[in-house]
Protein backbone atom coordinates (compact mmCIF):
# COMPACT_ATOMS: atom_id res chain seq x y z
CA MET A 1 -19.25 5.84 31.23
CA ALA A 2 -22.90 4.71 31.43
CA PRO A 3 -24.14 2.74 28.06
CA LYS A 4 -26.37 5.05 25.59
CA ASN A 5 -28.50 2.61 24.12
CA PRO A 6 -28.74 -0.66 25.75
CA ASN A 7 -29.52 -3.48 23.57
CA ASN A 8 -32.51 -5.10 24.89
CA LEU A 9 -33.59 -6.68 21.65
CA LEU A 10 -30.65 -8.88 21.31
CA ARG A 11 -30.41 -9.43 25.33
CA ALA A 12 -34.33 -10.76 24.99
CA TYR A 13 -33.06 -13.16 22.12
CA ARG A 14 -29.86 -14.27 23.62
CA GLU A 15 -31.97 -15.14 27.38
CA ARG A 16 -34.76 -16.90 25.33
CA LEU A 17 -32.77 -18.90 23.20
CA PHE A 18 -29.50 -19.73 24.50
CA GLY A 19 -29.28 -18.60 27.98
CA THR A 20 -25.78 -17.20 28.74
CA GLN A 21 -23.55 -14.86 27.14
CA ALA A 22 -21.34 -17.62 26.35
CA ALA A 23 -23.61 -20.23 24.88
CA MET A 24 -25.02 -17.34 22.18
CA ALA A 25 -21.47 -16.59 21.36
CA ASP A 26 -20.58 -20.31 20.94
CA ALA A 27 -23.58 -20.52 18.62
CA ALA A 28 -22.45 -17.49 16.56
CA ASN A 29 -18.94 -18.77 16.31
CA GLU A 30 -20.24 -21.66 14.38
CA HIS A 31 -20.97 -19.22 11.20
CA LEU A 32 -17.70 -17.03 11.55
CA ALA A 33 -14.29 -17.08 10.21
CA PRO A 34 -11.75 -16.91 13.07
CA THR A 35 -11.07 -13.42 12.32
CA TYR A 36 -14.48 -12.63 13.90
CA LEU A 37 -14.90 -14.93 16.88
CA LEU A 38 -17.15 -13.84 19.61
CA THR A 39 -16.75 -14.27 23.38
CA ALA A 40 -19.11 -13.82 25.95
CA ASN A 41 -17.64 -10.25 26.74
CA HIS A 42 -18.34 -9.39 23.06
CA ILE A 43 -22.03 -10.40 23.49
CA GLY A 44 -22.09 -8.49 26.98
CA LYS A 45 -20.81 -5.18 25.16
CA LEU A 46 -23.82 -5.80 22.52
CA GLU A 47 -26.24 -5.78 24.87
CA ARG A 48 -25.16 -3.08 26.83
CA GLY A 49 -24.96 -0.78 23.93
CA VAL A 50 -20.79 -0.27 24.39
CA VAL A 51 -20.59 -1.44 20.68
CA ASP A 52 -24.14 -0.88 18.96
CA ARG A 53 -23.15 -1.82 15.55
CA PRO A 54 -20.62 -4.85 15.18
CA SER A 55 -18.97 -5.97 11.82
CA ALA A 56 -21.00 -7.17 9.01
CA PRO A 57 -20.11 -10.88 9.48
CA ARG A 58 -20.79 -10.96 13.19
CA ARG A 59 -24.40 -9.21 12.48
CA ALA A 60 -24.93 -11.82 9.78
CA ALA A 61 -23.86 -14.66 12.06
CA LEU A 62 -26.27 -13.04 15.08
CA ARG A 63 -29.04 -12.67 12.63
CA THR A 64 -28.68 -16.35 11.58
CA ILE A 65 -28.62 -17.83 15.10
CA CYS A 66 -31.67 -15.60 15.88
CA GLY A 67 -33.87 -16.65 13.01
CA VAL A 68 -34.33 -12.92 11.56
CA GLN A 69 -33.90 -11.39 8.58
CA THR A 70 -32.82 -7.79 9.57
CA ASP A 71 -30.12 -6.11 11.69
CA ALA A 72 -32.93 -3.82 13.23
CA GLU A 73 -34.78 -6.83 14.39
CA ILE A 74 -31.87 -7.79 16.92
CA GLY A 75 -31.32 -4.08 17.74
CA PHE A 76 -28.66 -2.94 15.27
CA GLU A 77 -29.86 0.21 13.45
CA ARG A 78 -27.73 1.36 10.54
CA HIS A 79 -25.73 4.65 11.61
CA LYS A 80 -26.30 7.64 9.45
CA ARG A 81 -22.75 8.73 7.78
CA ARG A 82 -21.19 11.76 9.20
CA GLY A 83 -19.92 14.63 7.18
CA GLY A 84 -16.41 13.96 8.55
CA VAL A 85 -14.10 11.73 10.31
CA PRO A 86 -14.22 13.22 14.28
CA LEU A 87 -11.15 12.09 16.50
CA SER A 88 -10.80 12.29 20.23
CA ALA A 89 -9.65 15.85 21.04
CA ARG A 90 -6.87 14.20 23.31
CA PHE A 91 -3.78 14.64 20.99
CA PRO A 92 -2.92 16.07 17.62
CA ALA A 93 -4.05 13.96 14.44
CA THR A 94 -4.56 14.11 10.80
CA GLU A 95 -8.06 14.71 9.76
CA ALA A 96 -9.34 13.15 6.05
CA ARG A 97 -12.67 14.85 5.58
CA PRO A 98 -14.88 14.23 1.97
CA SER A 99 -15.68 17.20 0.53
CA ALA A 100 -17.24 18.51 -3.02
CA GLY A 101 -14.19 20.75 -3.08
CA PRO A 102 -10.94 19.47 -3.04
CA GLY A 103 -12.08 16.01 -1.98
CA ALA A 104 -10.58 15.53 1.49
CA VAL A 105 -8.29 17.99 3.31
CA VAL A 106 -5.33 16.63 4.82
CA ALA A 107 -4.16 18.45 8.09
CA VAL A 108 -1.75 18.39 10.73
CA SER A 109 -2.74 19.73 14.46
CA THR A 110 0.42 21.04 16.42
CA ASP A 111 -2.42 21.87 18.89
CA VAL A 112 -4.20 19.52 21.57
CA ALA A 113 -7.64 20.63 20.14
CA ILE A 114 -9.09 19.09 17.16
CA PRO A 115 -11.64 21.48 15.45
CA VAL A 116 -13.17 20.56 12.04
CA VAL A 117 -10.65 21.66 9.09
CA THR A 118 -11.96 22.88 5.60
CA ASP A 119 -10.34 24.52 2.88
CA ALA A 120 -11.57 27.75 3.43
CA SER A 121 -10.25 27.85 6.84
CA THR A 122 -7.01 26.88 8.86
CA PRO A 123 -8.13 26.86 12.63
CA ALA A 124 -4.77 28.20 15.15
CA GLY A 125 -2.66 25.22 15.65
CA TRP A 126 -3.33 23.89 12.45
CA ARG A 127 -1.21 23.26 9.05
CA ILE A 128 -2.87 22.10 5.92
CA VAL A 129 -0.14 19.74 4.27
CA GLY A 130 -2.16 18.83 1.45
CA TYR A 131 -5.51 17.89 -0.67
CA LEU A 132 -6.97 14.38 -1.67
CA ALA A 133 -9.56 14.39 -4.69
CA VAL A 134 -11.55 11.30 -3.95
CA ARG A 135 -14.28 9.87 -5.50
CA ASP A 136 -17.75 11.02 -5.01
CA GLU A 137 -19.57 7.63 -5.35
CA ALA A 138 -22.72 8.85 -7.15
CA GLN A 139 -20.17 10.47 -9.74
CA PRO A 140 -17.50 8.24 -12.35
CA PRO A 141 -14.19 8.89 -11.19
CA ALA A 142 -12.79 12.31 -11.29
CA GLU A 143 -9.06 13.65 -11.57
CA LEU A 144 -7.00 12.77 -8.49
CA SER A 145 -4.64 15.74 -7.58
CA ILE A 146 -2.31 16.10 -4.96
CA VAL A 147 -1.78 19.56 -3.91
CA ALA A 148 0.60 20.71 -1.26
CA ALA A 149 -0.58 23.58 0.64
CA ASN A 150 1.73 26.50 2.09
CA ALA A 151 1.62 30.16 2.41
CA THR A 152 1.02 30.69 -1.06
CA ARG A 153 -1.03 27.59 -1.52
CA GLN A 154 0.91 26.63 -4.67
CA ALA A 155 -0.34 23.68 -6.30
CA LEU A 156 2.15 20.87 -7.60
CA PRO A 157 1.91 19.54 -11.20
CA GLU A 158 0.61 16.18 -10.88
CA THR A 159 -2.51 15.09 -11.90
CA ILE A 160 -3.15 11.56 -12.04
CA ILE A 161 -6.22 9.26 -12.93
CA PRO A 162 -6.70 7.09 -9.89
CA PRO A 163 -8.34 3.41 -10.52
CA ALA A 164 -11.86 3.03 -8.78
CA LEU A 165 -11.86 2.51 -5.59
CA PRO A 166 -12.31 -0.85 -4.26
CA PRO A 167 -15.10 -1.48 -1.70
CA VAL A 168 -13.59 -1.06 1.88
CA PRO A 169 -13.96 -4.04 4.22
CA ASP A 170 -15.74 -3.71 7.10
CA LEU A 171 -13.16 -3.19 10.03
CA GLY A 172 -14.85 -4.56 13.19
CA ASP A 173 -17.05 -3.03 15.91
CA TYR A 174 -16.70 0.92 15.51
CA PRO A 175 -19.82 2.90 15.50
CA GLY A 176 -20.62 4.79 12.94
CA GLY A 177 -17.66 2.95 10.30
CA GLU A 178 -15.36 6.19 10.74
CA TRP A 179 -12.55 3.84 10.70
CA ASN A 180 -13.30 2.82 7.25
CA SER A 181 -12.35 6.53 6.11
CA PHE A 182 -9.02 5.90 7.57
CA LEU A 183 -8.61 2.74 5.71
CA THR A 184 -9.52 4.48 2.35
CA VAL A 185 -7.18 7.20 2.69
CA THR A 186 -4.26 4.93 3.61
CA ARG A 187 -4.93 2.79 0.78
CA LEU A 188 -5.33 5.44 -1.67
CA LEU A 189 -2.36 6.87 -0.69
CA ALA A 190 -0.45 3.74 -1.20
CA SER A 191 -1.92 3.36 -4.95
CA GLN A 192 -0.50 6.50 -5.83
CA ARG A 193 3.45 5.89 -4.84
CA GLN A 194 4.17 4.65 -8.28
CA ALA A 195 2.57 7.88 -10.09
CA VAL A 196 3.46 10.81 -7.94
CA ALA A 197 6.82 12.19 -7.39
CA PRO A 198 8.32 10.73 -3.90
CA ALA A 199 8.51 13.90 -2.22
CA ALA A 200 5.03 15.21 -3.15
CA LEU A 201 3.43 11.97 -1.56
CA LEU A 202 5.65 11.66 1.22
CA SER A 203 4.49 14.39 3.54
CA LEU A 204 0.65 13.63 3.30
CA VAL A 205 1.59 9.53 3.98
CA GLU A 206 3.91 10.55 7.00
CA ALA A 207 1.13 12.87 8.32
CA HIS A 208 -1.38 10.28 8.09
CA ARG A 209 0.99 7.46 9.64
CA ASP A 210 1.56 9.52 12.68
CA CYS A 211 -1.84 10.22 13.25
CA LEU A 212 -2.41 6.39 13.00
CA ALA A 213 0.64 5.56 15.42
CA MET A 214 -0.45 7.73 17.82
CA LEU A 215 -4.05 6.48 17.94
CA PHE A 216 -2.52 3.01 18.20
CA ARG A 217 -0.42 4.27 21.08
CA GLN A 218 -3.80 5.11 22.86
CA ALA A 219 -5.61 2.28 21.88
CA GLU A 220 -5.89 -0.05 25.03
CA HIS A 221 -8.51 -3.16 23.88
CA ASP A 222 -8.47 -5.60 21.12
CA PRO A 223 -10.28 -5.18 18.29
CA LEU A 224 -9.70 -1.53 18.34
CA ARG A 225 -5.83 -1.72 18.82
CA SER A 226 -5.41 -4.67 15.95
CA ARG A 227 -7.25 -2.71 13.83
CA ILE A 228 -5.22 0.53 13.80
CA GLY A 229 -2.02 -1.30 14.43
CA ALA A 230 -2.62 -2.99 10.90
CA MET A 231 -3.54 0.14 9.31
CA VAL A 232 -0.27 1.79 10.89
CA ALA A 233 1.91 -1.24 9.56
CA GLU A 234 0.38 -0.52 6.05
CA ALA A 235 0.92 3.13 6.27
CA SER A 236 4.74 2.56 7.60
CA ILE A 237 5.39 0.25 4.04
CA VAL A 238 4.19 2.94 1.66
CA ALA A 239 6.45 5.61 3.93
CA SER A 240 9.18 3.00 3.59
CA ARG A 241 8.99 2.35 -0.17
CA LEU A 242 9.09 6.50 -0.58
CA TRP A 243 11.90 7.13 1.91
CA SER A 244 13.95 4.64 -0.51
CA ALA A 245 12.62 6.53 -3.49
CA GLN A 246 14.24 9.37 -2.12
CA GLY A 247 17.64 7.37 -1.53
CA ASN A 248 17.16 7.62 2.28
CA ARG A 249 17.82 3.73 3.11
CA PRO A 250 17.95 4.04 6.99
CA MET A 251 14.37 5.68 6.93
CA ALA A 252 13.02 3.17 4.63
CA LEU A 253 14.78 0.48 6.75
CA ALA A 254 13.24 1.57 10.01
CA HIS A 255 9.57 2.08 8.66
CA CYS A 256 9.55 -1.59 6.97
CA THR A 257 10.82 -3.24 10.18
CA ARG A 258 8.17 -1.29 12.14
CA ALA A 259 5.84 -2.82 9.75
CA ARG A 260 6.87 -6.59 10.12
CA GLN A 261 7.60 -6.05 13.94
CA LEU A 262 3.88 -5.04 14.07
CA GLY A 263 2.43 -7.69 11.82
CA ASP A 264 4.53 -10.33 14.07
CA ASP A 265 3.15 -8.94 17.40
CA LEU A 266 -0.34 -8.43 16.22
CA GLY A 267 -0.31 -11.84 15.12
CA ASN A 268 -1.75 -10.64 11.69
CA ARG A 269 0.29 -13.12 9.30
CA ALA A 270 -0.74 -11.61 5.87
CA LEU A 271 0.70 -8.37 7.30
CA ALA A 272 3.59 -9.86 8.55
CA ALA A 273 4.33 -11.41 5.36
CA THR A 274 3.50 -8.34 3.16
CA ALA A 275 6.11 -6.37 5.18
CA ARG A 276 9.05 -9.35 4.48
CA ILE A 277 8.23 -8.83 1.00
CA PHE A 278 8.64 -5.03 0.59
CA GLU A 279 11.61 -5.09 3.43
CA SER A 280 13.52 -8.30 1.45
CA ASN A 281 13.48 -5.76 -1.57
CA LEU A 282 15.05 -3.22 0.70
CA ARG A 283 17.59 -5.62 2.09
CA SER A 284 19.05 -7.29 -1.05
CA ASP A 285 18.71 -3.57 -2.84
CA ALA A 286 17.10 -5.73 -5.21
CA ALA A 287 15.20 -2.38 -6.87
CA THR A 288 18.46 -0.98 -7.98
CA LEU A 289 19.71 -4.50 -9.36
CA ILE A 290 21.64 -5.45 -7.24
CA GLY A 291 22.93 -2.27 -5.28
CA ARG A 292 26.36 -2.69 -3.76
CA SER A 293 24.84 -2.13 -0.17
CA GLY A 294 22.67 -4.85 -0.75
CA ASP A 295 22.68 -8.37 0.99
CA ILE A 296 21.28 -11.10 -1.12
CA ALA A 297 21.15 -13.67 1.24
CA ASP A 298 19.41 -11.31 3.91
CA GLY A 299 16.64 -10.64 1.30
CA LEU A 300 16.36 -14.13 0.16
CA ARG A 301 15.79 -15.27 3.56
CA LEU A 302 12.92 -12.70 4.46
CA LEU A 303 11.31 -13.83 0.99
CA GLN A 304 11.49 -17.40 2.28
CA GLU A 305 9.85 -16.28 5.75
CA ALA A 306 6.96 -14.39 3.77
CA GLN A 307 6.23 -18.06 1.64
CA ALA A 308 5.78 -19.68 4.94
CA LEU A 309 3.01 -17.06 5.77
CA SER A 310 1.81 -16.68 1.94
CA ALA A 311 -1.42 -18.81 2.72
CA ASP A 312 -2.83 -15.72 4.25
CA LEU A 313 -1.70 -13.76 1.34
CA GLY A 314 -4.20 -12.62 -1.62
CA PRO A 315 -2.96 -13.18 -5.19
CA THR A 316 -1.29 -9.62 -5.67
CA ALA A 317 1.09 -10.50 -3.08
CA GLN A 318 1.63 -13.97 -4.08
CA ALA A 319 2.75 -13.01 -7.28
CA ARG A 320 4.79 -10.06 -5.81
CA LEU A 321 6.57 -12.50 -3.35
CA ALA A 322 7.05 -14.96 -6.12
CA ALA A 323 8.60 -12.48 -8.62
CA GLU A 324 11.06 -11.38 -6.06
CA GLN A 325 12.26 -14.93 -5.45
CA ALA A 326 12.66 -15.25 -9.23
CA GLN A 327 14.64 -12.11 -9.41
CA ILE A 328 16.86 -12.78 -6.77
CA PHE A 329 17.55 -16.37 -8.31
CA ALA A 330 18.36 -14.92 -11.52
CA VAL A 331 20.92 -12.48 -10.13
CA LEU A 332 22.12 -15.56 -8.33
CA LYS A 333 22.56 -17.77 -11.76
CA LEU A 334 20.38 -20.25 -10.65
CA PRO A 335 17.72 -20.53 -13.63
CA SER A 336 15.95 -23.44 -12.14
CA GLU A 337 15.26 -22.06 -9.15
CA CYS A 338 14.25 -18.72 -10.95
CA ASP A 339 12.17 -20.50 -13.53
CA ALA A 340 10.14 -22.26 -10.77
CA ALA A 341 9.43 -18.81 -8.91
CA LEU A 342 8.25 -17.45 -12.31
CA GLU A 343 5.77 -19.98 -13.01
CA ARG A 344 4.45 -19.51 -9.27
CA ALA A 345 4.37 -15.75 -10.03
CA ARG A 346 2.26 -16.74 -13.34
CA ALA A 347 -0.17 -18.84 -11.79
CA ALA A 348 -0.74 -16.25 -8.82
CA SER A 349 -1.50 -13.41 -11.45
CA ALA A 350 -3.66 -15.39 -13.52
CA SER A 351 -6.17 -15.43 -10.62
CA ILE A 352 -5.83 -11.52 -9.83
CA ALA A 353 -9.07 -9.44 -9.96
CA GLU A 354 -9.60 -5.70 -10.47
CA ARG A 355 -10.83 -5.81 -6.64
CA ASP A 356 -7.37 -7.21 -5.80
CA ARG A 357 -5.40 -4.33 -6.90
CA SER A 358 -5.93 -1.84 -4.47
CA GLY A 359 -3.31 -0.10 -1.80
CA LEU A 360 0.24 -1.50 -1.74
CA PHE A 361 -0.42 -3.85 -4.88
CA SER A 362 -2.33 -1.51 -6.74
CA ASP A 363 0.29 -1.65 -9.57
CA TRP A 364 -0.03 -5.32 -9.77
CA ASN A 365 -0.81 -6.88 -13.31
CA ALA A 366 0.58 -9.02 -16.20
CA SER A 367 2.61 -6.14 -17.45
CA ARG A 368 4.38 -5.87 -14.19
CA LEU A 369 5.17 -9.49 -13.85
CA GLY A 370 6.22 -9.31 -17.57
CA VAL A 371 9.20 -6.40 -15.79
CA TYR A 372 10.46 -8.90 -13.48
CA GLU A 373 10.48 -12.04 -16.47
CA GLY A 374 12.63 -9.54 -18.37
CA THR A 375 14.85 -8.66 -16.22
CA CYS A 376 15.14 -12.17 -14.85
CA ARG A 377 16.14 -13.58 -18.80
CA LEU A 378 18.48 -10.22 -18.67
CA PHE A 379 20.73 -11.66 -15.69
CA LEU A 380 20.58 -15.17 -16.77
CA GLY A 381 22.17 -14.40 -20.09
CA GLU A 382 19.36 -14.37 -22.21
CA PRO A 383 19.11 -10.72 -23.61
CA LYS A 384 16.94 -11.41 -26.56
CA LYS A 385 14.36 -12.88 -24.87
CA ALA A 386 14.66 -9.94 -22.07
CA ALA A 387 14.35 -7.52 -24.56
CA HIS A 388 11.36 -9.01 -25.97
CA LEU A 389 9.70 -9.58 -22.56
CA LEU A 390 10.54 -5.90 -21.93
CA GLU A 391 9.52 -4.05 -24.97
CA ALA A 392 6.05 -5.30 -24.43
CA ALA A 393 6.15 -4.08 -20.84
CA VAL A 394 7.21 -0.84 -21.96
CA ALA A 395 4.36 -0.49 -24.67
CA GLN A 396 1.68 -1.07 -22.11
CA PHE A 397 3.31 1.33 -19.20
CA ALA A 398 3.55 3.97 -21.80
CA SER A 399 -0.22 4.75 -21.51
CA ASP A 400 -0.42 3.71 -17.50
CA SER A 401 -0.06 7.20 -15.63
CA SER A 402 -0.83 5.15 -12.48
CA ASN A 403 2.71 3.58 -12.82
CA VAL A 404 5.36 5.88 -13.98
CA SER A 405 7.93 4.52 -11.84
CA VAL A 406 7.18 1.25 -12.98
CA GLY A 407 7.19 1.98 -16.82
CA LEU A 408 10.38 3.83 -15.95
CA ALA A 409 12.39 0.87 -14.48
CA ALA A 410 11.26 -1.35 -17.17
CA GLN A 411 12.95 1.49 -19.84
CA VAL A 412 16.25 1.02 -17.98
CA ASP A 413 16.21 -2.81 -18.07
CA LEU A 414 15.20 -2.45 -21.90
CA ALA A 415 18.50 -0.12 -22.42
CA SER A 416 20.49 -3.16 -20.73
CA ALA A 417 18.98 -5.93 -22.86
CA TYR A 418 19.50 -3.65 -25.69
CA ALA A 419 23.24 -3.32 -25.10
CA GLN A 420 23.78 -6.85 -24.79
CA THR A 421 22.23 -7.49 -28.20
CA ASP A 422 24.44 -5.02 -29.79
CA ASP A 423 22.17 -2.34 -30.19
CA LEU A 424 24.33 0.31 -28.37
CA ASP A 425 22.41 3.28 -30.18
CA LYS A 426 18.68 2.31 -29.00
CA SER A 427 20.27 1.19 -25.43
CA CYS A 428 21.91 4.91 -25.11
CA ALA A 429 19.00 6.57 -26.24
CA LEU A 430 16.55 4.87 -24.14
CA LEU A 431 18.62 4.90 -20.80
CA GLY A 432 19.24 8.63 -21.45
CA ASP A 433 15.66 9.42 -21.64
CA ALA A 434 14.79 7.06 -18.52
CA TYR A 435 17.55 8.60 -16.36
CA GLY A 436 16.30 12.31 -17.29
CA GLU A 437 12.96 11.31 -16.27
CA LEU A 438 13.57 9.96 -13.18
CA VAL A 439 15.96 12.40 -11.83
CA ALA A 440 13.17 14.82 -13.00
CA ILE A 441 10.57 13.36 -10.35
CA GLY A 442 13.28 12.81 -7.76
CA ASN A 443 13.20 9.06 -7.70
CA ARG A 444 16.57 7.98 -6.33
CA ARG A 445 15.96 4.44 -6.44
CA GLY A 446 14.95 4.24 -10.14
CA VAL A 447 18.57 6.40 -10.81
CA ASP A 448 20.48 4.18 -8.90
CA ARG A 449 18.94 1.69 -10.95
CA ALA A 450 19.75 3.70 -14.41
CA GLU A 451 23.08 4.19 -13.03
CA ARG A 452 23.77 0.38 -12.36
CA ALA A 453 22.72 -0.09 -16.02
CA ARG A 454 25.13 2.65 -17.16
CA GLU A 455 28.15 0.41 -15.21
CA ARG A 456 26.66 -2.70 -17.55
CA LEU A 457 27.74 -0.54 -20.37
CA SER A 458 31.56 -0.15 -19.56
CA PRO A 459 32.82 -2.68 -22.23
CA TRP A 460 31.72 0.26 -24.84
CA ASN A 461 33.17 3.28 -22.66
CA SER A 462 35.42 4.30 -25.63
CA GLU A 463 32.28 4.43 -28.01
CA ARG A 464 31.10 7.62 -28.78
CA LEU A 465 27.43 6.86 -27.69
CA VAL A 466 28.05 5.96 -24.25
CA ARG A 467 30.53 9.02 -23.78
CA GLU A 468 27.46 11.41 -25.61
CA LEU A 469 25.30 9.14 -22.89
CA ASP A 470 27.50 10.13 -19.65
CA GLU A 471 27.45 14.00 -20.93
CA ARG A 472 23.70 13.64 -21.15
CA MET A 473 23.15 12.09 -17.55
CA ALA A 474 25.94 14.60 -16.31
CA ALA A 475 23.82 17.72 -17.68
CA CYS A 476 20.68 15.98 -15.65
CA ARG A 477 22.25 15.77 -12.63
CA ALA A 478 23.67 19.55 -13.03
CA ALA A 479 20.16 20.66 -13.58
């Protein structure tokens, strides 16, 4: 295909100052991190107009070596923002399209043509699977509603307040920056997994992941392939957590394993480590503390592999990694190792800034670590300390609508701590409340955690309060 806009300005600077394209690339690389290193081939693409606006770090490096102040002086004009996210018409896809109405229409094509999809009309071959209300940059944060669309356009009841969207990093050499929209949707979906009923969110996540996976299969050259692959992996981890929440362990493992393989294949250490953190949680069944199908040794091995890659992780991921290690050590009755891991988690949590709390780690803060610490004390035989820590966490999550599932997990563990401090009345009441809410939102992983907590009440099976709890739990299941 003939280039549409050769960059003669950049070519002139290169010929006058550096001579060869390789020499220009070498000069720019002195100012670039390894992720953004340039080659002679990259410079050639820029000069021919194959890539007409490189990533922000690359533009900055090229401005520096050319001695200019603005992108325009070396031929990089800012692109006008488009109204939607156009995709190639070669294959079916998901489109996320900003609008003033529901915010973004999320639709799935069953045809090869890809028209512009709006909430007003659904072209032949398409079905709208939901809407996402996204924040208008010019307006304060609005409510975020996820609405499942079907023939009757019935809305789901979930309405939540999202955190302010973090700045979306520049993904590389993609004209117009359309790929940033895909990353925004990926991380917005990820950030809602603790607040929205799993079944309500899963169809949106899977549609988005399927779109990215098809784009990844069609991509032929780096950096395009590696960037899309990273988003496929991130969306796969989100889908894995939702499948797990619905009790489908095979699908959860399949998605998380795929994410780990992608991270390894792409050489993306941060992604490879993140996938291992979440896969470990599945392998050990740590979320249900500890389920009968869990393999603690396998889970711990994956966490050790993640720790070997942890230098590339942000503070939220490092805190989650250390907290998961501490939890397994506590279950294994290894207090020294548990305390050391908790100390690492506290150190990482202390450096978490608001910008770090996005996507898969949007639910991380000091209160989340408090749940892990309380659970560890519970398994180490320190129920009073556990109750103190978990009471504080439950109080904090009571007003946090973005972390409903985490708050319910804390209530379940607090119920176990109350039982071990001989407060059976509080234990049964709290566990019954949490169990009912978990059943109502369809969080099977949370239900399993609550049922494990009920098993820990077996010494009191003959007590009236426990028998009443069993009746209450049975009624919730029947309903």
